[in-house]
Amino acid sequence: MASRAAEKKTRNSQLDQVRMLHQLLKLTNVLMAPFSTHLADRYKISLNEFRLLMTIGALGATASHEVADMTGVNVMSVSRAVATLERNGRIDVATDPANRRRKVLTLTEEGRRLYEIMRPQSEKVAEYLFSELDCGDVAALERILDRLIETLEARDDSGKWRFLEETRPD
C-alpha cells in the first residue's frame, strides 16, 4: 500500500513538472507579444535579429559564438541573423586583429538608432512583467533561473551537452 502512495506522489510530481514546463513555454510565447505587435513589422526585424541587436547594443562589441552562448539561440540561427543584420546595414562584422578567426560584431549607426528605439520597449516589458513581484520574489526568481540555466547548459566529462543526452527519446 505504501509503495502505491509513493508511485502516485511521484506521478503527481512529474505531472506538476510537466505543467510548469508548459507554463514556462507559455511565458516565453506571451513575452514575445509586444515584440511581434509593436516592433517586428514596423522595423522589419525577426525575433533572433532583435535578440542579437539588443545583445550587441548592450555589450558594444561581441562575437557570434558569444551571442549564441548569452542568448541560448543556436549557432546556425545566430549566423543567419548576423547575415541579415549585416545585409540590412544594422551591424558591422570585422575580423578581430588579436584573433584572426574571431569576427567582431558592432552596431552601425542604423543599428544603434534601432537599439535606442527598442531598448525602452524591452524595459517596459521587464517593468510590467516584474511589477507584481517584491524584491524577495525577484531575487528568488533570479536564483531559480540561474540554477535552471546552469542545469540546461551542463556538459558531461566528455563535453557532451547533458540536456540533449538525457532528454533523448527512448
Protein backbone atom coordinates (compact mmCIF):
# COMPACT_ATOMS: atom_id res chain seq x y z
CA MET A 1 0.00 0.00 0.00
CA ALA A 2 2.82 2.40 0.89
CA SER A 3 4.50 1.84 -2.49
CA ARG A 4 1.26 2.76 -4.34
CA ALA A 5 1.13 6.04 -2.44
CA ALA A 6 4.76 6.71 -3.32
CA GLU A 7 4.11 5.91 -7.00
CA LYS A 8 1.10 8.25 -7.03
CA LYS A 9 3.14 11.02 -5.37
CA THR A 10 5.92 10.55 -7.96
CA ARG A 11 3.39 10.59 -10.81
CA ASN A 12 1.76 13.77 -9.45
CA SER A 13 5.17 15.40 -9.04
CA GLN A 14 6.04 14.55 -12.66
CA LEU A 15 2.71 15.99 -13.82
CA ASP A 16 3.45 19.18 -11.86
CA GLN A 17 6.87 19.42 -13.51
CA VAL A 18 5.38 18.96 -16.98
CA ARG A 19 2.74 21.59 -16.16
CA MET A 20 5.47 24.01 -15.04
CA LEU A 21 7.44 23.32 -18.24
CA HIS A 22 4.35 24.24 -20.25
CA GLN A 23 3.90 27.36 -18.12
CA LEU A 24 7.49 28.39 -18.93
CA LEU A 25 6.84 27.81 -22.63
CA LYS A 26 3.67 29.89 -22.42
CA LEU A 27 5.55 32.62 -20.55
CA THR A 28 8.14 32.73 -23.33
CA ASN A 29 5.46 32.92 -26.02
CA VAL A 30 3.44 35.62 -24.25
CA LEU A 31 6.58 37.68 -23.62
CA MET A 32 7.08 37.88 -27.38
CA ALA A 33 3.65 39.52 -27.99
CA PRO A 34 4.85 43.13 -27.51
CA PHE A 35 7.78 42.43 -29.84
CA SER A 36 5.62 40.97 -32.62
CA THR A 37 2.85 43.53 -32.15
CA HIS A 38 4.95 46.69 -31.85
CA LEU A 39 8.38 46.08 -33.37
CA ALA A 40 8.72 43.19 -35.83
CA ASP A 41 6.69 44.54 -38.76
CA ARG A 42 7.41 48.21 -38.13
CA TYR A 43 11.18 47.70 -38.22
CA LYS A 44 11.31 44.58 -40.44
CA ILE A 45 13.25 42.59 -37.86
CA SER A 46 12.95 38.96 -36.77
CA LEU A 47 13.00 37.83 -33.16
CA ASN A 48 16.54 36.43 -33.44
CA GLU A 49 17.76 39.61 -35.15
CA PHE A 50 16.16 41.61 -32.33
CA ARG A 51 17.90 39.44 -29.70
CA LEU A 52 21.25 39.91 -31.42
CA LEU A 53 20.78 43.64 -31.89
CA MET A 54 19.89 44.08 -28.21
CA THR A 55 22.81 41.92 -27.05
CA ILE A 56 25.36 43.66 -29.29
CA GLY A 57 23.97 47.05 -28.29
CA ALA A 58 24.32 46.24 -24.60
CA LEU A 59 27.86 44.88 -24.96
CA GLY A 60 29.22 47.31 -27.55
CA ALA A 61 31.11 44.58 -29.42
CA THR A 62 30.98 40.81 -29.31
CA ALA A 63 31.34 37.67 -31.45
CA SER A 64 28.64 35.39 -32.88
CA HIS A 65 29.50 32.44 -30.64
CA GLU A 66 29.38 34.73 -27.59
CA VAL A 67 25.91 35.95 -28.60
CA ALA A 68 24.80 32.33 -29.05
CA ASP A 69 26.06 31.47 -25.56
CA MET A 70 24.40 34.51 -23.96
CA THR A 71 21.03 34.19 -25.68
CA GLY A 72 20.66 30.43 -26.00
CA VAL A 73 19.97 30.87 -29.72
CA ASN A 74 21.65 28.10 -31.74
CA VAL A 75 24.73 28.99 -33.78
CA MET A 76 23.02 28.47 -37.16
CA SER A 77 20.19 30.87 -36.25
CA VAL A 78 22.72 33.39 -34.97
CA SER A 79 24.65 33.09 -38.22
CA ARG A 80 21.51 33.75 -40.28
CA ALA A 81 20.56 36.72 -38.09
CA VAL A 82 24.10 38.15 -38.34
CA ALA A 83 23.97 37.86 -42.14
CA THR A 84 20.59 39.62 -42.31
CA LEU A 85 21.57 42.36 -39.86
CA GLU A 86 24.77 42.98 -41.82
CA ARG A 87 22.95 42.95 -45.18
CA ASN A 88 20.42 45.47 -43.80
CA GLY A 89 23.19 47.77 -42.58
CA ARG A 90 22.45 47.26 -38.89
CA ILE A 91 25.74 45.67 -37.81
CA ASP A 92 29.33 45.61 -38.96
CA VAL A 93 31.29 42.37 -38.96
CA ALA A 94 35.08 42.75 -38.76
CA THR A 95 37.99 40.42 -38.15
CA ASP A 96 39.44 40.74 -34.65
CA PRO A 97 43.09 41.84 -35.10
CA ALA A 98 44.07 39.93 -31.93
CA ASN A 99 42.44 36.69 -33.15
CA ARG A 100 42.01 36.46 -36.92
CA ARG A 101 39.45 33.64 -36.60
CA ARG A 102 37.13 35.75 -34.43
CA LYS A 103 34.61 38.07 -36.10
CA VAL A 104 33.65 41.11 -34.02
CA LEU A 105 30.07 42.33 -34.30
CA THR A 106 29.26 46.00 -33.64
CA LEU A 107 26.22 48.15 -34.32
CA THR A 108 26.25 50.54 -37.25
CA GLU A 109 24.68 53.98 -36.93
CA GLU A 110 21.37 52.45 -38.11
CA GLY A 111 21.76 49.57 -35.64
CA ARG A 112 22.43 51.99 -32.80
CA ARG A 113 19.34 54.01 -33.81
CA LEU A 114 17.18 50.86 -33.69
CA TYR A 115 18.74 49.77 -30.41
CA GLU A 116 17.88 53.14 -28.85
CA ILE A 117 14.29 52.80 -30.10
CA MET A 118 13.87 49.19 -28.94
CA ARG A 119 15.65 49.32 -25.58
CA PRO A 120 12.86 51.31 -23.88
CA GLN A 121 10.33 48.77 -25.17
CA SER A 122 12.35 45.96 -23.57
CA GLU A 123 12.49 47.94 -20.34
CA LYS A 124 8.69 48.42 -20.42
CA VAL A 125 8.17 44.68 -20.85
CA ALA A 126 10.53 43.90 -17.96
CA GLU A 127 8.93 46.50 -15.70
CA TYR A 128 5.45 45.15 -16.44
CA LEU A 129 6.49 41.51 -16.00
CA PHE A 130 8.04 42.07 -12.59
CA SER A 131 5.62 44.76 -11.34
CA GLU A 132 3.67 42.37 -9.10
CA LEU A 133 6.77 40.84 -7.50
CA ASP A 134 8.53 42.20 -4.44
CA CYS A 135 12.32 42.33 -4.12
CA GLY A 136 12.44 38.92 -2.41
CA ASP A 137 10.40 37.33 -5.20
CA VAL A 138 12.66 38.85 -7.85
CA ALA A 139 15.81 37.66 -6.02
CA ALA A 140 14.35 34.14 -5.63
CA LEU A 141 13.33 34.04 -9.29
CA GLU A 142 16.80 35.15 -10.35
CA ARG A 143 18.39 32.36 -8.29
CA ILE A 144 15.97 29.79 -9.74
CA LEU A 145 16.52 30.97 -13.32
CA ASP A 146 20.31 30.88 -12.83
CA ARG A 147 20.07 27.34 -11.49
CA LEU A 148 17.77 26.19 -14.32
CA ILE A 149 20.06 27.69 -16.97
CA GLU A 150 23.09 26.13 -15.29
CA THR A 151 21.32 22.74 -15.38
CA LEU A 152 20.40 23.16 -19.05
CA GLU A 153 23.92 24.22 -20.06
CA ALA A 154 25.77 21.47 -18.13
CA ARG A 155 28.26 19.30 -20.02
CA ASP A 156 29.45 15.81 -19.09
CA ASP A 157 33.12 14.85 -18.71
CA SER A 158 33.46 14.28 -22.46
CA GLY A 159 31.97 17.68 -23.27
CA LYS A 160 28.58 16.44 -24.42
CA TRP A 161 25.57 18.58 -23.66
CA ARG A 162 23.85 16.68 -20.83
CA PHE A 163 20.42 18.20 -21.54
CA LEU A 164 20.32 16.76 -25.07
CA GLU A 165 21.83 13.45 -23.98
CA GLU A 166 19.45 12.91 -21.06
CA THR A 167 16.31 14.02 -22.95
CA ARG A 168 16.95 11.79 -25.96
CA PRO A 169 13.79 9.84 -26.88
CA ASP A 170 13.79 6.17 -25.89
